[in-house]
Amino acid sequence: MMKQLIGLLAALLFATSAAASSANTDMAPDVLVKNVTNEVLDIVRKDKDIQAGNTKKTLELVEAKVLPHFNFQRMTQLALGREGRQATPEQIKVLTGEFRDLLVRTYSKALTEFRDQEISFRPFKMAATETDVKVRTEIKQTGGKPAQLDYYLEKNAAGWKVYDIEVGGISLVTNYRSTFAQEIRAGGIDGLIRSLQEKNKTADKR
């Protein structure tokens, strides 16, 4: 079940990012997602290479559509929590890059598992001055209960950026926070960096 949810999460992540790449930055975040999600997921469903697990093609899609539209620095800082206070600016920079690569590889693989699920968008309201919002969606699966998937966006000079996602109420960055804290307690910030680097190297060999 969790594997399926990860795949669904990946699909919405990519749809959200593709929307952000081409839409007006003044467009409401829920409209931004809704207008482009169906188009992107249709591409994924029809792309036999991606569905067959073509890692290279999927990673190229991520590089082009996703990376410019996520605030990986904030995601990393949130995942570090209070432990991040002991990190130097250079360590934060390295951690952000490794964490980004880990997420890209994880969700690139999961994206190949997306098939016939449907996404519905929950009612959304925001004040004109808001710059930090939560967009709620629901994933409908054949033969299974609907899965709640919510994600958080912030707006800055570059437009709306995704900085956290919740699957069934579980935050992505909070989920990583406990793991990061354990790694830091065991080997410090450098120990966490080495751990992420090793995970990414292992993924490269697959």
N, C-alpha and C. Protein backbone atom coordinates (compact mmCIF):
# COMPACT_ATOMS: atom_id res chain seq x y z
N MET A 1 0.84 -1.21 0.00
CA MET A 1 0.00 0.00 0.00
C MET A 1 0.87 1.25 0.00
N MET A 2 1.91 1.27 0.86
CA MET A 2 2.77 2.44 0.93
C MET A 2 3.50 2.65 -0.39
N LYS A 3 3.89 1.53 -1.04
CA LYS A 3 4.56 1.64 -2.33
C LYS A 3 3.66 2.30 -3.35
N GLN A 4 2.36 1.94 -3.31
CA GLN A 4 1.40 2.55 -4.24
C GLN A 4 1.25 4.04 -3.95
N LEU A 5 1.20 4.40 -2.66
CA LEU A 5 1.05 5.80 -2.30
C LEU A 5 2.25 6.62 -2.74
N ILE A 6 3.44 6.03 -2.62
CA ILE A 6 4.65 6.73 -3.08
C ILE A 6 4.56 7.01 -4.57
N GLY A 7 4.07 6.01 -5.31
CA GLY A 7 3.91 6.21 -6.75
C GLY A 7 2.92 7.30 -7.07
N LEU A 8 1.82 7.32 -6.32
CA LEU A 8 0.82 8.36 -6.53
C LEU A 8 1.38 9.72 -6.18
N LEU A 9 2.12 9.78 -5.09
CA LEU A 9 2.74 11.03 -4.67
C LEU A 9 3.67 11.54 -5.75
N ALA A 10 4.47 10.65 -6.29
CA ALA A 10 5.41 11.04 -7.33
C ALA A 10 4.68 11.65 -8.52
N ALA A 11 3.59 11.01 -8.93
CA ALA A 11 2.85 11.51 -10.09
C ALA A 11 2.37 12.93 -9.86
N LEU A 12 1.84 13.19 -8.67
CA LEU A 12 1.34 14.54 -8.40
C LEU A 12 2.48 15.53 -8.27
N LEU A 13 3.60 15.09 -7.73
CA LEU A 13 4.76 15.96 -7.63
C LEU A 13 5.18 16.45 -9.01
N PHE A 14 5.28 15.54 -9.93
CA PHE A 14 5.72 15.92 -11.27
C PHE A 14 4.69 16.79 -11.97
N ALA A 15 3.43 16.49 -11.75
CA ALA A 15 2.39 17.31 -12.35
C ALA A 15 2.45 18.73 -11.80
N THR A 16 2.60 18.85 -10.50
CA THR A 16 2.69 20.16 -9.87
C THR A 16 3.85 20.95 -10.43
N SER A 17 5.00 20.31 -10.55
CA SER A 17 6.20 20.99 -11.00
C SER A 17 6.07 21.44 -12.44
N ALA A 18 5.49 20.59 -13.26
CA ALA A 18 5.34 20.97 -14.66
C ALA A 18 4.42 22.17 -14.78
N ALA A 19 3.40 22.21 -13.95
CA ALA A 19 2.49 23.35 -13.97
C ALA A 19 3.23 24.63 -13.64
N ALA A 20 4.04 24.56 -12.60
CA ALA A 20 4.76 25.75 -12.16
C ALA A 20 5.72 26.26 -13.20
N SER A 21 6.22 25.38 -14.05
CA SER A 21 7.23 25.78 -15.02
C SER A 21 6.67 26.62 -16.15
N SER A 22 5.37 26.51 -16.40
CA SER A 22 4.82 27.17 -17.56
C SER A 22 3.72 28.18 -17.26
N ALA A 23 3.26 28.21 -16.01
CA ALA A 23 2.13 29.07 -15.70
C ALA A 23 2.56 30.40 -15.12
N ASN A 24 1.63 31.34 -15.15
CA ASN A 24 1.88 32.65 -14.59
C ASN A 24 2.06 32.52 -13.08
N THR A 25 3.08 33.18 -12.53
CA THR A 25 3.35 33.06 -11.10
C THR A 25 2.25 33.68 -10.26
N ASP A 26 1.37 34.49 -10.85
CA ASP A 26 0.27 35.10 -10.12
C ASP A 26 -0.95 34.18 -10.05
N MET A 27 -0.94 33.07 -10.77
CA MET A 27 -2.07 32.15 -10.77
C MET A 27 -2.18 31.46 -9.42
N ALA A 28 -3.39 31.26 -8.95
CA ALA A 28 -3.61 30.58 -7.68
C ALA A 28 -3.00 29.19 -7.73
N PRO A 29 -2.39 28.73 -6.65
CA PRO A 29 -1.68 27.45 -6.68
C PRO A 29 -2.57 26.26 -7.00
N ASP A 30 -3.83 26.27 -6.53
CA ASP A 30 -4.70 25.14 -6.84
C ASP A 30 -5.07 25.09 -8.31
N VAL A 31 -5.27 26.27 -8.91
CA VAL A 31 -5.57 26.34 -10.34
C VAL A 31 -4.35 25.91 -11.14
N LEU A 32 -3.19 26.33 -10.68
CA LEU A 32 -1.94 25.98 -11.34
C LEU A 32 -1.80 24.47 -11.46
N VAL A 33 -2.07 23.79 -10.35
CA VAL A 33 -1.96 22.33 -10.33
C VAL A 33 -3.05 21.68 -11.18
N LYS A 34 -4.28 22.13 -10.98
CA LYS A 34 -5.41 21.50 -11.66
C LYS A 34 -5.32 21.59 -13.18
N ASN A 35 -4.86 22.74 -13.69
CA ASN A 35 -4.81 22.94 -15.14
C ASN A 35 -3.83 22.02 -15.85
N VAL A 36 -2.79 21.62 -15.15
CA VAL A 36 -1.72 20.89 -15.81
C VAL A 36 -1.63 19.42 -15.40
N THR A 37 -2.15 19.09 -14.22
CA THR A 37 -2.03 17.73 -13.71
C THR A 37 -2.53 16.68 -14.70
N ASN A 38 -3.74 16.87 -15.21
CA ASN A 38 -4.32 15.88 -16.12
C ASN A 38 -3.47 15.69 -17.37
N GLU A 39 -2.93 16.80 -17.88
CA GLU A 39 -2.10 16.71 -19.08
C GLU A 39 -0.82 15.91 -18.81
N VAL A 40 -0.17 16.22 -17.70
CA VAL A 40 1.10 15.54 -17.38
C VAL A 40 0.88 14.06 -17.10
N LEU A 41 -0.16 13.74 -16.33
CA LEU A 41 -0.41 12.34 -16.01
C LEU A 41 -0.82 11.55 -17.25
N ASP A 42 -1.44 12.21 -18.19
CA ASP A 42 -1.78 11.54 -19.44
C ASP A 42 -0.51 11.15 -20.20
N ILE A 43 0.48 12.04 -20.15
CA ILE A 43 1.77 11.74 -20.79
C ILE A 43 2.42 10.54 -20.12
N VAL A 44 2.39 10.53 -18.79
CA VAL A 44 3.01 9.43 -18.05
C VAL A 44 2.33 8.10 -18.39
N ARG A 45 1.01 8.13 -18.45
CA ARG A 45 0.28 6.89 -18.75
C ARG A 45 0.60 6.36 -20.15
N LYS A 46 0.85 7.26 -21.08
CA LYS A 46 1.07 6.85 -22.47
C LYS A 46 2.54 6.58 -22.80
N ASP A 47 3.44 7.02 -21.94
CA ASP A 47 4.87 6.85 -22.22
C ASP A 47 5.31 5.45 -21.80
N LYS A 48 5.44 4.57 -22.76
CA LYS A 48 5.79 3.17 -22.48
C LYS A 48 7.19 3.04 -21.90
N ASP A 49 8.09 3.92 -22.29
CA ASP A 49 9.45 3.87 -21.76
C ASP A 49 9.47 4.13 -20.25
N ILE A 50 8.74 5.15 -19.82
CA ILE A 50 8.68 5.46 -18.39
C ILE A 50 8.00 4.34 -17.62
N GLN A 51 6.91 3.83 -18.16
CA GLN A 51 6.20 2.75 -17.49
C GLN A 51 7.03 1.47 -17.44
N ALA A 52 7.93 1.31 -18.39
CA ALA A 52 8.79 0.13 -18.41
C ALA A 52 9.99 0.29 -17.48
N GLY A 53 10.11 1.47 -16.87
CA GLY A 53 11.20 1.68 -15.92
C GLY A 53 12.45 2.28 -16.50
N ASN A 54 12.32 3.02 -17.59
CA ASN A 54 13.47 3.67 -18.21
C ASN A 54 13.98 4.78 -17.29
N THR A 55 15.03 4.47 -16.52
CA THR A 55 15.54 5.40 -15.53
C THR A 55 16.07 6.68 -16.15
N LYS A 56 16.82 6.55 -17.22
CA LYS A 56 17.43 7.72 -17.86
C LYS A 56 16.36 8.71 -18.33
N LYS A 57 15.34 8.18 -19.00
CA LYS A 57 14.29 9.06 -19.52
C LYS A 57 13.50 9.70 -18.39
N THR A 58 13.25 8.94 -17.35
CA THR A 58 12.50 9.48 -16.22
C THR A 58 13.29 10.55 -15.50
N LEU A 59 14.59 10.33 -15.30
CA LEU A 59 15.43 11.32 -14.65
C LEU A 59 15.51 12.60 -15.48
N GLU A 60 15.55 12.45 -16.79
CA GLU A 60 15.59 13.63 -17.66
C GLU A 60 14.31 14.44 -17.50
N LEU A 61 13.19 13.74 -17.35
CA LEU A 61 11.91 14.41 -17.14
C LEU A 61 11.94 15.19 -15.82
N VAL A 62 12.49 14.56 -14.80
CA VAL A 62 12.57 15.21 -13.49
C VAL A 62 13.47 16.44 -13.55
N GLU A 63 14.63 16.29 -14.18
CA GLU A 63 15.57 17.41 -14.27
C GLU A 63 14.94 18.61 -14.97
N ALA A 64 14.16 18.33 -16.01
CA ALA A 64 13.58 19.41 -16.80
C ALA A 64 12.36 20.04 -16.13
N LYS A 65 11.54 19.22 -15.46
CA LYS A 65 10.25 19.69 -14.98
C LYS A 65 10.20 19.97 -13.48
N VAL A 66 11.01 19.27 -12.69
CA VAL A 66 10.83 19.32 -11.25
C VAL A 66 11.81 20.23 -10.53
N LEU A 67 13.09 20.03 -10.76
CA LEU A 67 14.10 20.71 -9.96
C LEU A 67 13.93 22.22 -9.84
N PRO A 68 13.56 22.93 -10.92
CA PRO A 68 13.44 24.38 -10.79
C PRO A 68 12.27 24.84 -9.91
N HIS A 69 11.39 23.92 -9.53
CA HIS A 69 10.13 24.34 -8.91
C HIS A 69 9.92 23.79 -7.50
N PHE A 70 10.97 23.26 -6.90
CA PHE A 70 10.93 22.84 -5.51
C PHE A 70 11.95 23.63 -4.71
N ASN A 71 11.59 23.99 -3.51
CA ASN A 71 12.51 24.69 -2.63
C ASN A 71 13.25 23.64 -1.80
N PHE A 72 14.26 23.04 -2.41
CA PHE A 72 15.00 21.97 -1.75
C PHE A 72 15.77 22.47 -0.53
N GLN A 73 16.18 23.72 -0.55
CA GLN A 73 16.91 24.25 0.60
C GLN A 73 16.01 24.29 1.83
N ARG A 74 14.79 24.77 1.65
CA ARG A 74 13.87 24.80 2.79
C ARG A 74 13.48 23.40 3.22
N MET A 75 13.26 22.50 2.24
CA MET A 75 12.93 21.12 2.57
C MET A 75 14.03 20.50 3.41
N THR A 76 15.28 20.77 3.05
CA THR A 76 16.42 20.22 3.79
C THR A 76 16.47 20.79 5.20
N GLN A 77 16.27 22.09 5.33
CA GLN A 77 16.31 22.72 6.65
C GLN A 77 15.20 22.20 7.54
N LEU A 78 14.01 21.99 6.96
CA LEU A 78 12.90 21.44 7.73
C LEU A 78 13.18 20.01 8.16
N ALA A 79 13.80 19.23 7.26
CA ALA A 79 14.12 17.85 7.59
C ALA A 79 15.20 17.77 8.67
N LEU A 80 16.11 18.73 8.69
CA LEU A 80 17.16 18.76 9.70
C LEU A 80 16.62 19.18 11.06
N GLY A 81 15.62 20.07 11.07
CA GLY A 81 15.08 20.55 12.32
C GLY A 81 16.12 21.28 13.14
N ARG A 82 16.05 21.14 14.45
CA ARG A 82 16.99 21.83 15.33
C ARG A 82 18.42 21.34 15.17
N GLU A 83 18.57 20.11 14.65
CA GLU A 83 19.91 19.56 14.44
C GLU A 83 20.67 20.38 13.39
N GLY A 84 19.94 21.08 12.54
CA GLY A 84 20.58 21.85 11.49
C GLY A 84 21.33 23.06 11.99
N ARG A 85 21.12 23.44 13.25
CA ARG A 85 21.79 24.61 13.79
C ARG A 85 23.31 24.43 13.86
N GLN A 86 23.74 23.20 13.95
CA GLN A 86 25.17 22.94 14.06
C GLN A 86 25.87 22.81 12.70
N ALA A 87 25.10 22.90 11.63
CA ALA A 87 25.67 22.76 10.28
C ALA A 87 26.20 24.10 9.78
N THR A 88 27.32 24.05 9.09
CA THR A 88 27.89 25.25 8.48
C THR A 88 27.16 25.52 7.16
N PRO A 89 27.27 26.74 6.61
CA PRO A 89 26.64 27.04 5.32
C PRO A 89 27.09 26.06 4.22
N GLU A 90 28.35 25.69 4.23
CA GLU A 90 28.84 24.75 3.22
C GLU A 90 28.22 23.37 3.40
N GLN A 91 28.08 22.93 4.65
CA GLN A 91 27.45 21.64 4.90
C GLN A 91 25.99 21.65 4.48
N ILE A 92 25.30 22.76 4.73
CA ILE A 92 23.90 22.89 4.30
C ILE A 92 23.81 22.78 2.79
N LYS A 93 24.74 23.41 2.10
CA LYS A 93 24.76 23.37 0.64
C LYS A 93 24.92 21.94 0.13
N VAL A 94 25.86 21.21 0.73
CA VAL A 94 26.11 19.82 0.32
C VAL A 94 24.90 18.95 0.65
N LEU A 95 24.35 19.12 1.85
CA LEU A 95 23.20 18.34 2.27
C LEU A 95 22.00 18.58 1.34
N THR A 96 21.80 19.83 0.97
CA THR A 96 20.68 20.16 0.07
C THR A 96 20.82 19.42 -1.26
N GLY A 97 22.02 19.40 -1.79
CA GLY A 97 22.26 18.70 -3.06
C GLY A 97 22.05 17.20 -2.94
N GLU A 98 22.53 16.60 -1.86
CA GLU A 98 22.38 15.16 -1.68
C GLU A 98 20.93 14.78 -1.40
N PHE A 99 20.24 15.59 -0.59
CA PHE A 99 18.83 15.32 -0.29
C PHE A 99 17.99 15.45 -1.55
N ARG A 100 18.29 16.46 -2.35
CA ARG A 100 17.60 16.64 -3.63
C ARG A 100 17.79 15.40 -4.51
N ASP A 101 19.03 14.94 -4.64
CA ASP A 101 19.29 13.79 -5.49
C ASP A 101 18.57 12.54 -4.98
N LEU A 102 18.52 12.39 -3.65
CA LEU A 102 17.83 11.24 -3.06
C LEU A 102 16.35 11.26 -3.40
N LEU A 103 15.73 12.42 -3.26
CA LEU A 103 14.30 12.54 -3.56
C LEU A 103 14.02 12.34 -5.05
N VAL A 104 14.86 12.91 -5.88
CA VAL A 104 14.68 12.77 -7.33
C VAL A 104 14.73 11.31 -7.74
N ARG A 105 15.70 10.57 -7.23
CA ARG A 105 15.83 9.15 -7.59
C ARG A 105 14.66 8.34 -7.03
N THR A 106 14.26 8.64 -5.81
CA THR A 106 13.16 7.91 -5.19
C THR A 106 11.87 8.07 -5.98
N TYR A 107 11.54 9.29 -6.32
CA TYR A 107 10.27 9.54 -6.98
C TYR A 107 10.32 9.32 -8.49
N SER A 108 11.51 9.34 -9.05
CA SER A 108 11.63 8.97 -10.47
C SER A 108 11.26 7.51 -10.64
N LYS A 109 11.74 6.68 -9.73
CA LYS A 109 11.43 5.26 -9.78
C LYS A 109 9.94 5.03 -9.53
N ALA A 110 9.40 5.76 -8.55
CA ALA A 110 7.99 5.57 -8.21
C ALA A 110 7.07 6.01 -9.34
N LEU A 111 7.49 7.00 -10.10
CA LEU A 111 6.66 7.53 -11.18
C LEU A 111 6.32 6.46 -12.21
N THR A 112 7.22 5.50 -12.40
CA THR A 112 6.99 4.45 -13.39
C THR A 112 5.83 3.53 -12.99
N GLU A 113 5.40 3.61 -11.73
CA GLU A 113 4.35 2.72 -11.25
C GLU A 113 2.95 3.34 -11.37
N PHE A 114 2.89 4.58 -11.81
CA PHE A 114 1.57 5.23 -11.93
C PHE A 114 0.80 4.64 -13.10
N ARG A 115 -0.48 4.32 -12.88
CA ARG A 115 -1.28 3.74 -13.95
C ARG A 115 -2.63 4.45 -14.09
N ASP A 116 -3.68 3.91 -13.47
CA ASP A 116 -5.03 4.36 -13.75
C ASP A 116 -5.70 5.07 -12.58
N GLN A 117 -4.94 5.53 -11.61
CA GLN A 117 -5.53 6.24 -10.49
C GLN A 117 -6.07 7.61 -10.93
N GLU A 118 -7.03 8.10 -10.19
CA GLU A 118 -7.62 9.41 -10.49
C GLU A 118 -7.35 10.36 -9.33
N ILE A 119 -7.17 11.63 -9.66
CA ILE A 119 -6.90 12.65 -8.66
C ILE A 119 -8.05 13.64 -8.62
N SER A 120 -8.59 13.86 -7.43
CA SER A 120 -9.63 14.88 -7.27
C SER A 120 -9.07 15.99 -6.38
N PHE A 121 -9.47 17.22 -6.66
CA PHE A 121 -8.96 18.38 -5.93
C PHE A 121 -10.00 18.85 -4.94
N ARG A 122 -9.58 19.01 -3.70
CA ARG A 122 -10.49 19.43 -2.64
C ARG A 122 -10.71 20.95 -2.70
N PRO A 123 -11.81 21.43 -2.11
CA PRO A 123 -12.08 22.88 -2.12
C PRO A 123 -10.89 23.66 -1.55
N PHE A 124 -10.59 24.78 -2.16
CA PHE A 124 -9.42 25.56 -1.78
C PHE A 124 -9.76 27.04 -1.69
N LYS A 125 -9.31 27.67 -0.61
CA LYS A 125 -9.49 29.12 -0.44
C LYS A 125 -8.19 29.72 0.07
N MET A 126 -7.90 30.92 -0.37
CA MET A 126 -6.73 31.63 0.13
C MET A 126 -6.96 33.13 0.02
N ALA A 127 -6.36 33.86 0.95
CA ALA A 127 -6.44 35.32 0.90
C ALA A 127 -5.47 35.83 -0.15
N ALA A 128 -5.76 36.98 -0.68
CA ALA A 128 -4.92 37.54 -1.75
C ALA A 128 -3.49 37.79 -1.30
N THR A 129 -3.32 37.97 0.01
CA THR A 129 -1.97 38.28 0.53
C THR A 129 -1.21 37.05 1.00
N GLU A 130 -1.83 35.89 0.97
CA GLU A 130 -1.17 34.68 1.46
C GLU A 130 -0.01 34.26 0.56
N THR A 131 1.05 33.81 1.18
CA THR A 131 2.22 33.33 0.43
C THR A 131 2.62 31.92 0.84
N ASP A 132 1.83 31.31 1.72
CA ASP A 132 2.12 29.96 2.19
C ASP A 132 0.80 29.22 2.30
N VAL A 133 0.60 28.19 1.47
CA VAL A 133 -0.71 27.55 1.39
C VAL A 133 -0.62 26.04 1.38
N LYS A 134 -1.74 25.43 1.67
CA LYS A 134 -1.88 23.97 1.63
C LYS A 134 -2.95 23.62 0.61
N VAL A 135 -2.59 22.77 -0.34
CA VAL A 135 -3.54 22.31 -1.35
C VAL A 135 -3.84 20.84 -1.08
N ARG A 136 -5.12 20.52 -0.95
CA ARG A 136 -5.52 19.16 -0.60
C ARG A 136 -6.06 18.41 -1.82
N THR A 137 -5.63 17.18 -1.95
CA THR A 137 -6.12 16.33 -3.03
C THR A 137 -6.45 14.96 -2.49
N GLU A 138 -7.13 14.19 -3.31
CA GLU A 138 -7.49 12.83 -2.95
C GLU A 138 -7.22 11.91 -4.12
N ILE A 139 -6.56 10.79 -3.84
CA ILE A 139 -6.24 9.81 -4.87
C ILE A 139 -7.25 8.67 -4.80
N LYS A 140 -7.94 8.43 -5.90
CA LYS A 140 -8.91 7.34 -5.96
C LYS A 140 -8.28 6.15 -6.66
N GLN A 141 -8.30 5.02 -5.95
CA GLN A 141 -7.68 3.81 -6.46
C GLN A 141 -8.71 2.71 -6.65
N THR A 142 -8.60 1.97 -7.72
CA THR A 142 -9.51 0.87 -7.98
C THR A 142 -9.31 -0.21 -6.93
N GLY A 143 -10.41 -0.57 -6.26
CA GLY A 143 -10.33 -1.63 -5.27
C GLY A 143 -9.71 -1.22 -3.95
N GLY A 144 -9.52 0.06 -3.74
CA GLY A 144 -8.91 0.52 -2.49
C GLY A 144 -9.55 1.80 -2.00
N LYS A 145 -9.26 2.15 -0.75
CA LYS A 145 -9.80 3.38 -0.19
C LYS A 145 -9.09 4.59 -0.77
N PRO A 146 -9.79 5.71 -0.90
CA PRO A 146 -9.14 6.94 -1.37
C PRO A 146 -8.00 7.32 -0.44
N ALA A 147 -6.93 7.85 -1.00
CA ALA A 147 -5.76 8.24 -0.22
C ALA A 147 -5.64 9.76 -0.22
N GLN A 148 -5.49 10.33 0.96
CA GLN A 148 -5.33 11.77 1.08
C GLN A 148 -3.90 12.16 0.77
N LEU A 149 -3.73 13.17 -0.09
CA LEU A 149 -2.41 13.67 -0.43
C LEU A 149 -2.47 15.20 -0.46
N ASP A 150 -1.77 15.80 0.47
CA ASP A 150 -1.77 17.26 0.59
C ASP A 150 -0.35 17.78 0.39
N TYR A 151 -0.24 18.96 -0.18
CA TYR A 151 1.11 19.49 -0.33
C TYR A 151 1.12 20.99 -0.09
N TYR A 152 2.29 21.45 0.33
CA TYR A 152 2.47 22.83 0.78
C TYR A 152 3.33 23.60 -0.22
N LEU A 153 2.88 24.80 -0.52
CA LEU A 153 3.61 25.66 -1.43
C LEU A 153 3.82 27.02 -0.79
N GLU A 154 4.93 27.63 -1.11
CA GLU A 154 5.19 29.00 -0.67
C GLU A 154 5.49 29.83 -1.91
N LYS A 155 5.16 31.11 -1.82
CA LYS A 155 5.41 32.00 -2.94
C LYS A 155 6.50 32.99 -2.58
N ASN A 156 7.48 33.08 -3.46
CA ASN A 156 8.53 34.08 -3.31
C ASN A 156 8.70 34.80 -4.65
N ALA A 157 9.79 35.51 -4.82
CA ALA A 157 9.99 36.28 -6.05
C ALA A 157 10.01 35.40 -7.29
N ALA A 158 10.36 34.13 -7.12
CA ALA A 158 10.44 33.21 -8.26
C ALA A 158 9.13 32.49 -8.53
N GLY A 159 8.12 32.73 -7.71
CA GLY A 159 6.85 32.06 -7.91
C GLY A 159 6.55 31.04 -6.82
N TRP A 160 5.56 30.19 -7.05
CA TRP A 160 5.17 29.18 -6.07
C TRP A 160 6.16 28.02 -6.08
N LYS A 161 6.57 27.58 -4.88
CA LYS A 161 7.50 26.47 -4.73
C LYS A 161 6.95 25.45 -3.74
N VAL A 162 7.10 24.19 -4.05
CA VAL A 162 6.69 23.12 -3.15
C VAL A 162 7.80 22.91 -2.12
N TYR A 163 7.41 22.84 -0.83
CA TYR A 163 8.42 22.61 0.20
C TYR A 163 8.08 21.47 1.15
N ASP A 164 6.89 20.90 1.03
CA ASP A 164 6.55 19.72 1.83
C ASP A 164 5.33 19.06 1.24
N ILE A 165 5.19 17.76 1.50
CA ILE A 165 4.06 16.97 1.02
C ILE A 165 3.63 16.06 2.15
N GLU A 166 2.33 15.84 2.28
CA GLU A 166 1.80 14.91 3.26
C GLU A 166 1.05 13.79 2.54
N VAL A 167 1.34 12.56 2.91
CA VAL A 167 0.62 11.40 2.39
C VAL A 167 -0.12 10.78 3.57
N GLY A 168 -1.45 10.81 3.53
CA GLY A 168 -2.21 10.28 4.64
C GLY A 168 -1.90 10.98 5.95
N GLY A 169 -1.59 12.27 5.88
CA GLY A 169 -1.30 13.04 7.07
C GLY A 169 0.14 12.95 7.53
N ILE A 170 0.97 12.19 6.84
CA ILE A 170 2.38 12.03 7.21
C ILE A 170 3.24 12.95 6.34
N SER A 171 3.95 13.86 6.98
CA SER A 171 4.79 14.83 6.28
C SER A 171 6.07 14.19 5.76
N LEU A 172 6.42 14.52 4.52
CA LEU A 172 7.67 14.03 3.94
C LEU A 172 8.88 14.49 4.75
N VAL A 173 8.95 15.78 5.05
CA VAL A 173 10.14 16.30 5.74
C VAL A 173 10.18 15.82 7.18
N THR A 174 9.02 15.69 7.83
CA THR A 174 9.00 15.18 9.20
C THR A 174 9.43 13.73 9.23
N ASN A 175 9.04 12.98 8.23
CA ASN A 175 9.41 11.57 8.14
C ASN A 175 10.93 11.41 8.05
N TYR A 176 11.57 12.31 7.30
CA TYR A 176 13.02 12.26 7.18
C TYR A 176 13.72 12.82 8.42
N ARG A 177 13.02 13.68 9.17
CA ARG A 177 13.67 14.36 10.29
C ARG A 177 14.20 13.38 11.34
N SER A 178 13.41 12.35 11.66
CA SER A 178 13.86 11.39 12.67
C SER A 178 15.07 10.61 12.18
N THR A 179 15.08 10.27 10.89
CA THR A 179 16.23 9.55 10.33
C THR A 179 17.48 10.42 10.33
N PHE A 180 17.31 11.67 9.93
CA PHE A 180 18.44 12.60 9.92
C PHE A 180 19.00 12.80 11.32
N ALA A 181 18.10 12.93 12.31
CA ALA A 181 18.54 13.15 13.69
C ALA A 181 19.37 11.97 14.19
N GLN A 182 18.96 10.75 13.85
CA GLN A 182 19.71 9.56 14.26
C GLN A 182 21.10 9.55 13.63
N GLU A 183 21.15 9.89 12.35
CA GLU A 183 22.43 9.91 11.65
C GLU A 183 23.37 10.97 12.25
N ILE A 184 22.82 12.13 12.60
CA ILE A 184 23.63 13.21 13.15
C ILE A 184 24.13 12.85 14.55
N ARG A 185 23.28 12.23 15.35
CA ARG A 185 23.71 11.82 16.69
C ARG A 185 24.82 10.78 16.61
N ALA A 186 24.77 9.94 15.58
CA ALA A 186 25.77 8.88 15.44
C ALA A 186 27.08 9.38 14.84
N GLY A 187 27.02 10.30 13.89
CA GLY A 187 28.25 10.71 13.20
C GLY A 187 28.36 12.18 12.88
N GLY A 188 27.47 13.01 13.47
CA GLY A 188 27.52 14.43 13.19
C GLY A 188 26.97 14.77 11.81
N ILE A 189 27.05 16.03 11.45
CA ILE A 189 26.57 16.48 10.14
C ILE A 189 27.32 15.77 9.02
N ASP A 190 28.62 15.62 9.18
CA ASP A 190 29.41 14.94 8.15
C ASP A 190 28.98 13.48 8.00
N GLY A 191 28.56 12.88 9.12
CA GLY A 191 28.08 11.50 9.05
C GLY A 191 26.80 11.40 8.24
N LEU A 192 25.93 12.37 8.39
CA LEU A 192 24.69 12.40 7.61
C LEU A 192 25.01 12.60 6.13
N ILE A 193 25.95 13.48 5.85
CA ILE A 193 26.35 13.72 4.45
C ILE A 193 26.87 12.43 3.84
N ARG A 194 27.72 11.72 4.56
CA ARG A 194 28.27 10.46 4.03
C ARG A 194 27.17 9.43 3.80
N SER A 195 26.19 9.39 4.71
CA SER A 195 25.08 8.44 4.57
C SER A 195 24.26 8.73 3.31
N LEU A 196 23.96 10.00 3.08
CA LEU A 196 23.19 10.36 1.89
C LEU A 196 23.98 10.10 0.62
N GLN A 197 25.27 10.39 0.66
CA GLN A 197 26.12 10.15 -0.51
C GLN A 197 26.16 8.66 -0.85
N GLU A 198 26.23 7.83 0.18
CA GLU A 198 26.27 6.39 -0.04
C GLU A 198 24.95 5.89 -0.63
N LYS A 199 23.85 6.41 -0.12
CA LYS A 199 22.53 6.02 -0.67
C LYS A 199 22.43 6.40 -2.14
N ASN A 200 22.90 7.59 -2.49
CA ASN A 200 22.83 8.04 -3.88
C ASN A 200 23.76 7.23 -4.78
N LYS A 201 24.93 6.88 -4.27
CA LYS A 201 25.86 6.06 -5.05
C LYS A 201 25.27 4.67 -5.30
N THR A 202 24.63 4.12 -4.28
CA THR A 202 24.00 2.81 -4.42
C THR A 202 22.88 2.86 -5.46
N ALA A 203 22.11 3.94 -5.44
CA ALA A 203 21.01 4.09 -6.41
C ALA A 203 21.57 4.21 -7.83
N ASP A 204 22.71 4.85 -7.99
CA ASP A 204 23.31 5.02 -9.31
C ASP A 204 23.71 3.69 -9.93
N LYS A 205 24.03 2.71 -9.09
CA LYS A 205 24.52 1.41 -9.57
C LYS A 205 23.40 0.49 -9.98
N ARG A 206 22.18 0.83 -9.62
CA ARG A 206 21.05 -0.05 -9.95
C ARG A 206 20.63 0.08 -11.40
